[in-house]
Amino acid sequence: MLHIYFVRHGETEWNRESRLQGRLDSPLTVKGIQDAKQLGERLKPINFQQIISSPSERAVKTARLLIENRSLPFKTDKRLMEIDLGSWQGKTIKEIRKEDPTTYNQYIHYPHLYDKQDGETIRDVQFRIRCFLKNLEKVYTAGDVLVITHGVVIKVLQSLCKNISLQRVWEPPEIDGTSVTIVQLTNGNKKLLLEGDTSHKNHIVT
């Protein structure tokens, strides 16, 4: 059976500012870097067959920190990119609530109906992740694969594994920076083994 370790990128400057990133980028904070190093220590015993990252800089930087000094196959995949939020990208939640309250309310409370004309829908993200998982299983039928991606992507992944409506996509648990979500994939069947785990944080890395 195949085990996929989904990791959200480390905390960024815009995360701290409550600024939506989407397809844009901002640097990892000192905390984001430290958390990634701590997770790297935790994952060191696992012999990953492949590391796959979103091509966004914050994800690639996190991936490099996770596999530091380890010679492992590494590639990027655009299907792992964060949801495209169009004109919201780079703005704070406070700014968006003021400028576009109706659509933001839909995004938060009725995500299955969310439809921003200059970006993606939640369903678009779901389609990307379905394709990614299907293709991944064609290549790897067993073993361990490490995937570095984004918060919305992992929330959608959770809903797929639980077979629940996208209306419930924001249900707990939260997906914090460098959190680990493990999916067991067997003949198309998806089983969550771990969700949003951050037990590696605050461990001292020497």
N, C-alpha and C. Protein backbone atom coordinates (compact mmCIF):
# COMPACT_ATOMS: atom_id res chain seq x y z
N MET A 1 0.83 -1.20 0.00
CA MET A 1 0.00 0.00 0.00
C MET A 1 0.87 1.26 0.00
N LEU A 2 0.30 2.35 -0.49
CA LEU A 2 1.03 3.61 -0.62
C LEU A 2 0.66 4.56 0.51
N HIS A 3 1.66 5.15 1.15
CA HIS A 3 1.43 6.15 2.19
C HIS A 3 1.95 7.50 1.69
N ILE A 4 1.07 8.48 1.68
CA ILE A 4 1.42 9.82 1.21
C ILE A 4 1.41 10.77 2.39
N TYR A 5 2.54 11.41 2.63
CA TYR A 5 2.68 12.37 3.72
C TYR A 5 2.47 13.78 3.15
N PHE A 6 1.32 14.36 3.40
CA PHE A 6 1.02 15.71 2.93
C PHE A 6 1.42 16.72 4.01
N VAL A 7 2.29 17.65 3.64
CA VAL A 7 2.79 18.66 4.57
C VAL A 7 2.44 20.05 4.04
N ARG A 8 1.86 20.88 4.90
CA ARG A 8 1.67 22.28 4.51
C ARG A 8 3.00 23.01 4.68
N HIS A 9 3.26 23.97 3.80
CA HIS A 9 4.49 24.77 3.89
C HIS A 9 4.60 25.46 5.26
N GLY A 10 5.79 25.89 5.60
CA GLY A 10 6.01 26.59 6.85
C GLY A 10 5.37 27.97 6.87
N GLU A 11 5.24 28.51 8.06
CA GLU A 11 4.65 29.84 8.23
C GLU A 11 5.40 30.89 7.40
N THR A 12 4.64 31.80 6.77
CA THR A 12 5.23 32.87 5.97
C THR A 12 4.91 34.24 6.59
N GLU A 13 5.57 35.25 6.07
CA GLU A 13 5.32 36.62 6.53
C GLU A 13 3.85 37.00 6.33
N TRP A 14 3.30 36.62 5.19
CA TRP A 14 1.89 36.97 4.92
C TRP A 14 0.93 36.17 5.78
N ASN A 15 1.30 34.94 6.15
CA ASN A 15 0.47 34.19 7.10
C ASN A 15 0.33 34.98 8.40
N ARG A 16 1.42 35.52 8.87
CA ARG A 16 1.43 36.26 10.13
C ARG A 16 0.61 37.54 10.02
N GLU A 17 0.52 38.09 8.82
CA GLU A 17 -0.23 39.33 8.60
C GLU A 17 -1.69 39.08 8.24
N SER A 18 -2.11 37.80 8.26
CA SER A 18 -3.48 37.43 7.82
C SER A 18 -3.74 37.94 6.40
N ARG A 19 -2.72 37.79 5.56
CA ARG A 19 -2.79 38.22 4.17
C ARG A 19 -2.87 36.98 3.28
N LEU A 20 -3.87 36.93 2.39
CA LEU A 20 -4.05 35.75 1.55
C LEU A 20 -2.99 35.70 0.45
N GLN A 21 -2.42 34.53 0.26
CA GLN A 21 -1.33 34.38 -0.70
C GLN A 21 -1.79 33.79 -2.03
N GLY A 22 -2.53 32.68 -1.98
CA GLY A 22 -2.94 32.04 -3.22
C GLY A 22 -1.74 31.69 -4.07
N ARG A 23 -1.71 32.20 -5.30
CA ARG A 23 -0.60 31.92 -6.21
C ARG A 23 0.57 32.87 -6.04
N LEU A 24 0.41 33.90 -5.20
CA LEU A 24 1.53 34.79 -4.90
C LEU A 24 2.36 34.17 -3.79
N ASP A 25 3.45 34.83 -3.39
CA ASP A 25 4.36 34.24 -2.42
C ASP A 25 4.88 35.28 -1.44
N SER A 26 5.32 34.80 -0.30
CA SER A 26 6.06 35.62 0.66
C SER A 26 7.04 34.71 1.38
N PRO A 27 8.11 35.27 1.95
CA PRO A 27 9.16 34.43 2.55
C PRO A 27 8.69 33.70 3.80
N LEU A 28 9.34 32.58 4.09
CA LEU A 28 9.10 31.88 5.34
C LEU A 28 9.62 32.73 6.50
N THR A 29 8.91 32.70 7.62
CA THR A 29 9.40 33.38 8.81
C THR A 29 10.47 32.52 9.48
N VAL A 30 11.11 33.08 10.49
CA VAL A 30 12.08 32.32 11.27
C VAL A 30 11.39 31.10 11.88
N LYS A 31 10.17 31.29 12.37
CA LYS A 31 9.40 30.18 12.94
C LYS A 31 9.10 29.13 11.88
N GLY A 32 8.73 29.58 10.68
CA GLY A 32 8.44 28.65 9.59
C GLY A 32 9.64 27.79 9.24
N ILE A 33 10.81 28.40 9.23
CA ILE A 33 12.05 27.67 8.94
C ILE A 33 12.36 26.67 10.05
N GLN A 34 12.25 27.13 11.30
CA GLN A 34 12.54 26.25 12.43
C GLN A 34 11.58 25.07 12.49
N ASP A 35 10.28 25.33 12.25
CA ASP A 35 9.29 24.25 12.25
C ASP A 35 9.60 23.21 11.18
N ALA A 36 10.02 23.69 10.01
CA ALA A 36 10.36 22.77 8.92
C ALA A 36 11.57 21.91 9.27
N LYS A 37 12.56 22.50 9.93
CA LYS A 37 13.74 21.74 10.34
C LYS A 37 13.36 20.68 11.38
N GLN A 38 12.47 21.05 12.29
CA GLN A 38 12.01 20.10 13.30
C GLN A 38 11.27 18.94 12.65
N LEU A 39 10.43 19.26 11.68
CA LEU A 39 9.72 18.19 10.98
C LEU A 39 10.68 17.32 10.19
N GLY A 40 11.71 17.93 9.61
CA GLY A 40 12.71 17.18 8.88
C GLY A 40 13.36 16.12 9.76
N GLU A 41 13.64 16.49 11.01
CA GLU A 41 14.21 15.52 11.96
C GLU A 41 13.23 14.39 12.22
N ARG A 42 11.97 14.73 12.36
CA ARG A 42 10.94 13.73 12.62
C ARG A 42 10.80 12.74 11.46
N LEU A 43 10.93 13.26 10.24
CA LEU A 43 10.73 12.42 9.06
C LEU A 43 12.00 11.71 8.59
N LYS A 44 13.11 12.00 9.22
CA LYS A 44 14.40 11.47 8.77
C LYS A 44 14.44 9.94 8.66
N PRO A 45 13.79 9.19 9.56
CA PRO A 45 13.85 7.72 9.45
C PRO A 45 13.09 7.14 8.26
N ILE A 46 12.25 7.96 7.62
CA ILE A 46 11.41 7.44 6.53
C ILE A 46 12.16 7.56 5.20
N ASN A 47 12.25 6.47 4.49
CA ASN A 47 12.94 6.45 3.20
C ASN A 47 11.94 6.74 2.08
N PHE A 48 11.71 8.02 1.82
CA PHE A 48 10.73 8.41 0.82
C PHE A 48 11.21 8.06 -0.59
N GLN A 49 10.29 7.53 -1.38
CA GLN A 49 10.62 7.20 -2.77
C GLN A 49 10.66 8.45 -3.64
N GLN A 50 9.88 9.44 -3.25
CA GLN A 50 9.78 10.65 -4.06
C GLN A 50 9.33 11.81 -3.18
N ILE A 51 9.86 13.00 -3.46
CA ILE A 51 9.39 14.24 -2.84
C ILE A 51 8.73 15.06 -3.94
N ILE A 52 7.49 15.45 -3.73
CA ILE A 52 6.77 16.25 -4.72
C ILE A 52 6.27 17.52 -4.05
N SER A 53 6.57 18.66 -4.64
CA SER A 53 6.20 19.94 -4.04
C SER A 53 5.40 20.80 -5.01
N SER A 54 4.53 21.61 -4.46
CA SER A 54 3.97 22.72 -5.22
C SER A 54 5.14 23.57 -5.70
N PRO A 55 5.06 24.15 -6.90
CA PRO A 55 6.17 24.99 -7.37
C PRO A 55 6.26 26.35 -6.69
N SER A 56 5.30 26.70 -5.84
CA SER A 56 5.38 27.97 -5.12
C SER A 56 6.64 28.01 -4.25
N GLU A 57 7.27 29.18 -4.19
CA GLU A 57 8.55 29.30 -3.50
C GLU A 57 8.48 28.86 -2.04
N ARG A 58 7.38 29.20 -1.35
CA ARG A 58 7.27 28.85 0.07
C ARG A 58 7.20 27.34 0.27
N ALA A 59 6.62 26.63 -0.68
CA ALA A 59 6.54 25.17 -0.60
C ALA A 59 7.89 24.54 -0.93
N VAL A 60 8.53 25.02 -1.98
CA VAL A 60 9.83 24.47 -2.38
C VAL A 60 10.87 24.70 -1.28
N LYS A 61 10.86 25.90 -0.68
CA LYS A 61 11.79 26.19 0.42
C LYS A 61 11.55 25.23 1.59
N THR A 62 10.28 24.99 1.91
CA THR A 62 9.95 24.05 2.98
C THR A 62 10.45 22.65 2.64
N ALA A 63 10.23 22.24 1.39
CA ALA A 63 10.68 20.91 0.96
C ALA A 63 12.19 20.76 1.11
N ARG A 64 12.92 21.79 0.71
CA ARG A 64 14.39 21.72 0.81
C ARG A 64 14.84 21.61 2.26
N LEU A 65 14.15 22.30 3.16
CA LEU A 65 14.48 22.22 4.58
C LEU A 65 14.17 20.83 5.14
N LEU A 66 13.09 20.23 4.66
CA LEU A 66 12.69 18.91 5.15
C LEU A 66 13.68 17.81 4.77
N ILE A 67 14.25 17.94 3.58
CA ILE A 67 15.13 16.87 3.08
C ILE A 67 16.60 17.30 3.08
N GLU A 68 16.92 18.32 3.85
CA GLU A 68 18.27 18.85 3.92
C GLU A 68 19.29 17.74 4.16
N ASN A 69 20.34 17.73 3.35
CA ASN A 69 21.43 16.75 3.44
C ASN A 69 21.00 15.32 3.12
N ARG A 70 19.83 15.15 2.53
CA ARG A 70 19.39 13.82 2.10
C ARG A 70 19.26 13.82 0.59
N SER A 71 19.78 12.78 -0.03
CA SER A 71 19.70 12.66 -1.49
C SER A 71 18.44 11.89 -1.85
N LEU A 72 17.36 12.65 -2.14
CA LEU A 72 16.07 12.04 -2.46
C LEU A 72 15.53 12.63 -3.75
N PRO A 73 14.84 11.84 -4.57
CA PRO A 73 14.25 12.36 -5.81
C PRO A 73 13.25 13.48 -5.51
N PHE A 74 13.40 14.60 -6.22
CA PHE A 74 12.57 15.78 -5.95
C PHE A 74 12.01 16.34 -7.25
N LYS A 75 10.72 16.69 -7.25
CA LYS A 75 10.12 17.35 -8.39
C LYS A 75 8.96 18.21 -7.92
N THR A 76 8.47 19.09 -8.81
CA THR A 76 7.31 19.93 -8.50
C THR A 76 6.14 19.54 -9.39
N ASP A 77 4.95 19.89 -8.93
CA ASP A 77 3.73 19.56 -9.67
C ASP A 77 2.74 20.71 -9.49
N LYS A 78 2.33 21.33 -10.58
CA LYS A 78 1.44 22.50 -10.52
C LYS A 78 0.08 22.17 -9.91
N ARG A 79 -0.31 20.91 -9.95
CA ARG A 79 -1.60 20.53 -9.38
C ARG A 79 -1.64 20.68 -7.87
N LEU A 80 -0.47 20.84 -7.26
CA LEU A 80 -0.37 21.01 -5.81
C LEU A 80 -0.37 22.47 -5.39
N MET A 81 -0.51 23.40 -6.33
CA MET A 81 -0.50 24.83 -6.01
C MET A 81 -1.75 25.21 -5.21
N GLU A 82 -1.61 26.31 -4.46
CA GLU A 82 -2.73 26.80 -3.67
C GLU A 82 -3.85 27.30 -4.59
N ILE A 83 -5.06 27.40 -4.05
CA ILE A 83 -6.18 27.91 -4.81
C ILE A 83 -5.86 29.30 -5.35
N ASP A 84 -6.22 29.56 -6.59
CA ASP A 84 -6.04 30.88 -7.21
C ASP A 84 -7.17 31.77 -6.71
N LEU A 85 -6.82 32.79 -5.94
CA LEU A 85 -7.83 33.68 -5.35
C LEU A 85 -7.95 35.01 -6.08
N GLY A 86 -7.38 35.07 -7.29
CA GLY A 86 -7.56 36.26 -8.12
C GLY A 86 -7.15 37.54 -7.43
N SER A 87 -8.04 38.54 -7.46
CA SER A 87 -7.73 39.88 -6.94
C SER A 87 -7.61 39.93 -5.42
N TRP A 88 -8.00 38.86 -4.73
CA TRP A 88 -7.83 38.82 -3.28
C TRP A 88 -6.38 38.60 -2.87
N GLN A 89 -5.59 38.04 -3.75
CA GLN A 89 -4.21 37.66 -3.42
C GLN A 89 -3.37 38.87 -3.05
N GLY A 90 -2.70 38.79 -1.92
CA GLY A 90 -1.88 39.89 -1.44
C GLY A 90 -2.62 40.84 -0.51
N LYS A 91 -3.92 40.64 -0.34
CA LYS A 91 -4.72 41.50 0.52
C LYS A 91 -4.98 40.81 1.86
N THR A 92 -5.19 41.62 2.90
CA THR A 92 -5.52 41.07 4.20
C THR A 92 -6.99 40.66 4.23
N ILE A 93 -7.31 39.77 5.16
CA ILE A 93 -8.71 39.36 5.31
C ILE A 93 -9.58 40.56 5.64
N LYS A 94 -9.07 41.47 6.44
CA LYS A 94 -9.82 42.68 6.79
C LYS A 94 -10.15 43.50 5.54
N GLU A 95 -9.18 43.64 4.65
CA GLU A 95 -9.39 44.39 3.41
C GLU A 95 -10.43 43.71 2.52
N ILE A 96 -10.34 42.39 2.43
CA ILE A 96 -11.26 41.63 1.57
C ILE A 96 -12.69 41.70 2.11
N ARG A 97 -12.83 41.57 3.42
CA ARG A 97 -14.16 41.67 4.03
C ARG A 97 -14.80 43.02 3.74
N LYS A 98 -14.00 44.05 3.71
CA LYS A 98 -14.52 45.40 3.46
C LYS A 98 -14.87 45.59 1.99
N GLU A 99 -14.01 45.10 1.09
CA GLU A 99 -14.18 45.33 -0.34
C GLU A 99 -15.18 44.37 -1.00
N ASP A 100 -15.24 43.14 -0.50
CA ASP A 100 -16.05 42.10 -1.16
C ASP A 100 -16.72 41.20 -0.11
N PRO A 101 -17.56 41.79 0.75
CA PRO A 101 -18.12 41.03 1.88
C PRO A 101 -19.01 39.85 1.47
N THR A 102 -19.77 40.01 0.40
CA THR A 102 -20.70 38.96 -0.02
C THR A 102 -19.95 37.70 -0.47
N THR A 103 -18.96 37.90 -1.35
CA THR A 103 -18.21 36.76 -1.87
C THR A 103 -17.36 36.12 -0.78
N TYR A 104 -16.79 36.94 0.11
CA TYR A 104 -15.98 36.37 1.18
C TYR A 104 -16.84 35.56 2.14
N ASN A 105 -18.04 36.04 2.42
CA ASN A 105 -18.96 35.29 3.27
C ASN A 105 -19.29 33.94 2.63
N GLN A 106 -19.46 33.95 1.33
CA GLN A 106 -19.73 32.70 0.59
C GLN A 106 -18.54 31.76 0.70
N TYR A 107 -17.35 32.27 0.56
CA TYR A 107 -16.12 31.48 0.64
C TYR A 107 -16.00 30.79 2.00
N ILE A 108 -16.32 31.52 3.07
CA ILE A 108 -16.17 31.00 4.42
C ILE A 108 -17.33 30.11 4.84
N HIS A 109 -18.55 30.51 4.54
CA HIS A 109 -19.73 29.81 5.06
C HIS A 109 -20.41 28.88 4.06
N TYR A 110 -20.21 29.13 2.77
CA TYR A 110 -20.82 28.28 1.74
C TYR A 110 -19.78 27.96 0.65
N PRO A 111 -18.67 27.33 1.06
CA PRO A 111 -17.56 27.12 0.12
C PRO A 111 -17.94 26.33 -1.13
N HIS A 112 -18.94 25.47 -1.03
CA HIS A 112 -19.38 24.68 -2.19
C HIS A 112 -20.04 25.55 -3.25
N LEU A 113 -20.47 26.75 -2.85
CA LEU A 113 -21.11 27.68 -3.79
C LEU A 113 -20.18 28.82 -4.21
N TYR A 114 -19.03 28.90 -3.57
CA TYR A 114 -18.08 29.99 -3.84
C TYR A 114 -17.68 30.01 -5.31
N ASP A 115 -17.79 31.18 -5.92
CA ASP A 115 -17.46 31.32 -7.34
C ASP A 115 -16.93 32.72 -7.60
N LYS A 116 -15.61 32.84 -7.59
CA LYS A 116 -14.97 34.12 -7.86
C LYS A 116 -14.49 34.10 -9.31
N GLN A 117 -14.98 35.03 -10.09
CA GLN A 117 -14.79 34.98 -11.54
C GLN A 117 -13.33 35.07 -11.98
N ASP A 118 -12.48 35.71 -11.18
CA ASP A 118 -11.07 35.85 -11.60
C ASP A 118 -10.15 34.86 -10.90
N GLY A 119 -10.72 33.77 -10.37
CA GLY A 119 -9.89 32.77 -9.70
C GLY A 119 -10.45 31.37 -9.87
N GLU A 120 -10.13 30.50 -8.92
CA GLU A 120 -10.61 29.13 -8.94
C GLU A 120 -11.74 28.94 -7.94
N THR A 121 -12.54 27.89 -8.13
CA THR A 121 -13.50 27.46 -7.14
C THR A 121 -12.88 26.34 -6.31
N ILE A 122 -13.53 26.01 -5.19
CA ILE A 122 -13.07 24.89 -4.38
C ILE A 122 -13.16 23.60 -5.19
N ARG A 123 -14.17 23.51 -6.04
CA ARG A 123 -14.34 22.33 -6.87
C ARG A 123 -13.19 22.18 -7.87
N ASP A 124 -12.65 23.30 -8.35
CA ASP A 124 -11.49 23.25 -9.24
C ASP A 124 -10.30 22.61 -8.53
N VAL A 125 -10.10 22.98 -7.27
CA VAL A 125 -9.01 22.41 -6.48
C VAL A 125 -9.25 20.91 -6.28
N GLN A 126 -10.48 20.54 -6.01
CA GLN A 126 -10.82 19.13 -5.82
C GLN A 126 -10.48 18.32 -7.07
N PHE A 127 -10.79 18.86 -8.24
CA PHE A 127 -10.49 18.16 -9.49
C PHE A 127 -8.99 17.95 -9.64
N ARG A 128 -8.20 18.98 -9.31
CA ARG A 128 -6.73 18.87 -9.41
C ARG A 128 -6.19 17.76 -8.52
N ILE A 129 -6.70 17.70 -7.28
CA ILE A 129 -6.19 16.74 -6.33
C ILE A 129 -6.62 15.32 -6.69
N ARG A 130 -7.83 15.17 -7.19
CA ARG A 130 -8.27 13.84 -7.65
C ARG A 130 -7.32 13.32 -8.74
N CYS A 131 -7.01 14.18 -9.68
CA CYS A 131 -6.11 13.79 -10.78
C CYS A 131 -4.72 13.46 -10.26
N PHE A 132 -4.23 14.26 -9.32
CA PHE A 132 -2.91 14.03 -8.75
C PHE A 132 -2.83 12.67 -8.08
N LEU A 133 -3.83 12.35 -7.26
CA LEU A 133 -3.83 11.07 -6.54
C LEU A 133 -3.93 9.89 -7.50
N LYS A 134 -4.78 10.04 -8.49
CA LYS A 134 -4.96 8.96 -9.47
C LYS A 134 -3.67 8.68 -10.22
N ASN A 135 -3.00 9.73 -10.66
CA ASN A 135 -1.74 9.56 -11.38
C ASN A 135 -0.63 9.04 -10.49
N LEU A 136 -0.62 9.50 -9.23
CA LEU A 136 0.42 9.06 -8.30
C LEU A 136 0.35 7.56 -8.07
N GLU A 137 -0.86 7.04 -7.94
CA GLU A 137 -1.02 5.61 -7.68
C GLU A 137 -0.63 4.76 -8.89
N LYS A 138 -0.67 5.35 -10.07
CA LYS A 138 -0.22 4.62 -11.26
C LYS A 138 1.29 4.43 -11.25
N VAL A 139 1.98 5.38 -10.62
CA VAL A 139 3.44 5.33 -10.58
C VAL A 139 3.94 4.56 -9.36
N TYR A 140 3.30 4.78 -8.21
CA TYR A 140 3.72 4.14 -6.97
C TYR A 140 2.56 3.34 -6.37
N THR A 141 2.70 2.06 -6.33
CA THR A 141 1.65 1.21 -5.76
C THR A 141 1.90 0.93 -4.28
N ALA A 142 3.12 1.20 -3.82
CA ALA A 142 3.47 0.96 -2.42
C ALA A 142 4.61 1.89 -2.03
N GLY A 143 4.86 1.98 -0.71
CA GLY A 143 5.96 2.81 -0.23
C GLY A 143 5.48 4.12 0.35
N ASP A 144 6.41 5.08 0.45
CA ASP A 144 6.14 6.38 1.08
C ASP A 144 6.51 7.51 0.13
N VAL A 145 5.62 8.48 0.01
CA VAL A 145 5.85 9.67 -0.81
C VAL A 145 5.58 10.90 0.04
N LEU A 146 6.45 11.90 -0.06
CA LEU A 146 6.29 13.14 0.68
C LEU A 146 5.81 14.23 -0.26
N VAL A 147 4.73 14.91 0.13
CA VAL A 147 4.11 15.95 -0.70
C VAL A 147 4.04 17.25 0.10
N ILE A 148 4.58 18.33 -0.44
CA ILE A 148 4.53 19.63 0.22
C ILE A 148 3.59 20.53 -0.56
N THR A 149 2.55 21.02 0.11
CA THR A 149 1.52 21.77 -0.58
C THR A 149 0.96 22.87 0.32
N HIS A 150 -0.34 23.16 0.21
CA HIS A 150 -0.94 24.34 0.84
C HIS A 150 -2.19 24.00 1.64
N GLY A 151 -2.63 24.97 2.44
CA GLY A 151 -3.73 24.75 3.35
C GLY A 151 -5.04 24.34 2.71
N VAL A 152 -5.48 25.09 1.69
CA VAL A 152 -6.76 24.77 1.04
C VAL A 152 -6.68 23.41 0.35
N VAL A 153 -5.56 23.12 -0.27
CA VAL A 153 -5.37 21.83 -0.94
C VAL A 153 -5.56 20.69 0.05
N ILE A 154 -4.97 20.80 1.23
CA ILE A 154 -5.07 19.73 2.22
C ILE A 154 -6.47 19.64 2.80
N LYS A 155 -7.15 20.78 2.97
CA LYS A 155 -8.54 20.74 3.44
C LYS A 155 -9.42 20.01 2.42
N VAL A 156 -9.21 20.26 1.16
CA VAL A 156 -9.97 19.57 0.11
C VAL A 156 -9.62 18.09 0.11
N LEU A 157 -8.35 17.77 0.30
CA LEU A 157 -7.92 16.37 0.40
C LEU A 157 -8.66 15.66 1.52
N GLN A 158 -8.78 16.31 2.68
CA GLN A 158 -9.49 15.72 3.81
C GLN A 158 -10.93 15.39 3.43
N SER A 159 -11.60 16.32 2.75
CA SER A 159 -13.00 16.09 2.37
C SER A 159 -13.12 14.92 1.39
N LEU A 160 -12.13 14.78 0.51
CA LEU A 160 -12.14 13.65 -0.42
C LEU A 160 -12.00 12.33 0.32
N CYS A 161 -11.06 12.29 1.26
CA CYS A 161 -10.82 11.05 2.00
C CYS A 161 -12.01 10.67 2.87
N LYS A 162 -12.70 11.68 3.39
CA LYS A 162 -13.85 11.44 4.26
C LYS A 162 -15.15 11.28 3.47
N ASN A 163 -15.05 11.56 2.16
CA ASN A 163 -16.22 11.48 1.29
C ASN A 163 -17.35 12.36 1.79
N ILE A 164 -17.02 13.61 2.13
CA ILE A 164 -18.02 14.57 2.59
C ILE A 164 -18.15 15.71 1.59
N SER A 165 -19.25 16.42 1.67
CA SER A 165 -19.52 17.53 0.77
C SER A 165 -18.50 18.65 0.95
N LEU A 166 -18.23 19.39 -0.12
CA LEU A 166 -17.35 20.55 -0.04
C LEU A 166 -17.95 21.65 0.83
N GLN A 167 -19.21 21.55 1.12
CA GLN A 167 -19.86 22.48 2.05
C GLN A 167 -19.20 22.40 3.43
N ARG A 168 -18.62 21.23 3.75
CA ARG A 168 -18.02 21.00 5.05
C ARG A 168 -16.49 21.06 5.02
N VAL A 169 -15.95 21.63 3.95
CA VAL A 169 -14.50 21.58 3.73
C VAL A 169 -13.69 22.27 4.83
N TRP A 170 -14.26 23.27 5.49
CA TRP A 170 -13.49 24.00 6.51
C TRP A 170 -13.63 23.39 7.91
N GLU A 171 -14.27 22.25 8.03
CA GLU A 171 -14.40 21.62 9.35
C GLU A 171 -13.03 21.26 9.93
N PRO A 172 -12.91 21.25 11.28
CA PRO A 172 -11.64 20.86 11.91
C PRO A 172 -11.27 19.43 11.51
N PRO A 173 -9.97 19.09 11.67
CA PRO A 173 -8.92 19.86 12.32
C PRO A 173 -8.30 20.92 11.40
N GLU A 174 -7.68 21.90 12.03
CA GLU A 174 -6.99 22.95 11.30
C GLU A 174 -5.72 22.39 10.64
N ILE A 175 -5.29 23.07 9.59
CA ILE A 175 -4.05 22.69 8.90
C ILE A 175 -3.05 23.82 9.08
N ASP A 176 -2.23 23.72 10.12
CA ASP A 176 -1.24 24.76 10.41
C ASP A 176 0.03 24.54 9.59
N GLY A 177 0.92 25.53 9.65
CA GLY A 177 2.19 25.42 8.94
C GLY A 177 2.98 24.21 9.37
N THR A 178 3.50 23.47 8.43
CA THR A 178 4.30 22.23 8.57
C THR A 178 3.52 21.08 9.21
N SER A 179 2.20 21.19 9.28
CA SER A 179 1.42 20.07 9.81
C SER A 179 1.48 18.89 8.85
N VAL A 180 1.32 17.69 9.40
CA VAL A 180 1.42 16.46 8.62
C VAL A 180 0.06 15.76 8.56
N THR A 181 -0.35 15.41 7.35
CA THR A 181 -1.57 14.64 7.12
C THR A 181 -1.17 13.43 6.28
N ILE A 182 -1.43 12.23 6.80
CA ILE A 182 -1.01 11.01 6.11
C ILE A 182 -2.22 10.31 5.51
N VAL A 183 -2.11 9.98 4.23
CA VAL A 183 -3.17 9.27 3.51
C VAL A 183 -2.65 7.92 3.05
N GLN A 184 -3.41 6.89 3.34
CA GLN A 184 -3.12 5.55 2.82
C GLN A 184 -3.95 5.35 1.56
N LEU A 185 -3.28 5.04 0.46
CA LEU A 185 -3.96 4.91 -0.83
C LEU A 185 -3.79 3.48 -1.35
N THR A 186 -4.92 2.80 -1.50
CA THR A 186 -4.91 1.41 -1.95
C THR A 186 -6.01 1.19 -2.98
N ASN A 187 -5.61 0.94 -4.22
CA ASN A 187 -6.58 0.69 -5.29
C ASN A 187 -7.66 1.77 -5.36
N GLY A 188 -7.23 3.01 -5.24
CA GLY A 188 -8.15 4.13 -5.33
C GLY A 188 -8.85 4.47 -4.04
N ASN A 189 -8.75 3.63 -3.04
CA ASN A 189 -9.38 3.89 -1.74
C ASN A 189 -8.46 4.75 -0.88
N LYS A 190 -9.02 5.84 -0.37
CA LYS A 190 -8.24 6.81 0.39
C LYS A 190 -8.63 6.75 1.87
N LYS A 191 -7.63 6.54 2.73
CA LYS A 191 -7.89 6.46 4.17
C LYS A 191 -6.95 7.41 4.91
N LEU A 192 -7.54 8.28 5.73
CA LEU A 192 -6.74 9.20 6.54
C LEU A 192 -6.18 8.48 7.75
N LEU A 193 -4.86 8.50 7.89
CA LEU A 193 -4.21 7.90 9.05
C LEU A 193 -3.83 8.95 10.09
N LEU A 194 -3.65 10.18 9.64
CA LEU A 194 -3.25 11.28 10.52
C LEU A 194 -3.70 12.58 9.88
N GLU A 195 -4.17 13.54 10.70
CA GLU A 195 -4.66 14.81 10.16
C GLU A 195 -4.05 16.00 10.90
N GLY A 196 -3.41 16.88 10.17
CA GLY A 196 -2.95 18.15 10.71
C GLY A 196 -2.07 18.04 11.95
N ASP A 197 -1.23 17.02 12.02
CA ASP A 197 -0.42 16.80 13.21
C ASP A 197 0.78 17.74 13.26
N THR A 198 0.99 18.35 14.41
CA THR A 198 2.12 19.28 14.58
C THR A 198 2.95 18.91 15.82
N SER A 199 2.97 17.64 16.16
CA SER A 199 3.66 17.21 17.38
C SER A 199 5.17 17.43 17.31
N HIS A 200 5.71 17.69 16.13
CA HIS A 200 7.15 17.93 15.99
C HIS A 200 7.55 19.34 16.44
N LYS A 201 6.60 20.25 16.54
CA LYS A 201 6.95 21.64 16.84
C LYS A 201 7.47 21.79 18.26
N ASN A 202 8.37 22.76 18.39
CA ASN A 202 8.99 23.10 19.68
C ASN A 202 9.99 22.06 20.17
N HIS A 203 10.32 21.08 19.32
CA HIS A 203 11.42 20.18 19.65
C HIS A 203 12.73 20.87 19.27
N ILE A 204 13.73 20.73 20.08
CA ILE A 204 14.99 21.43 19.81
C ILE A 204 15.75 20.74 18.71
N VAL A 205 16.16 21.52 17.70
CA VAL A 205 16.98 21.00 16.61
C VAL A 205 18.39 21.52 16.77
N THR A 206 19.35 20.64 16.83
CA THR A 206 20.75 21.05 17.02
C THR A 206 21.49 21.08 15.71
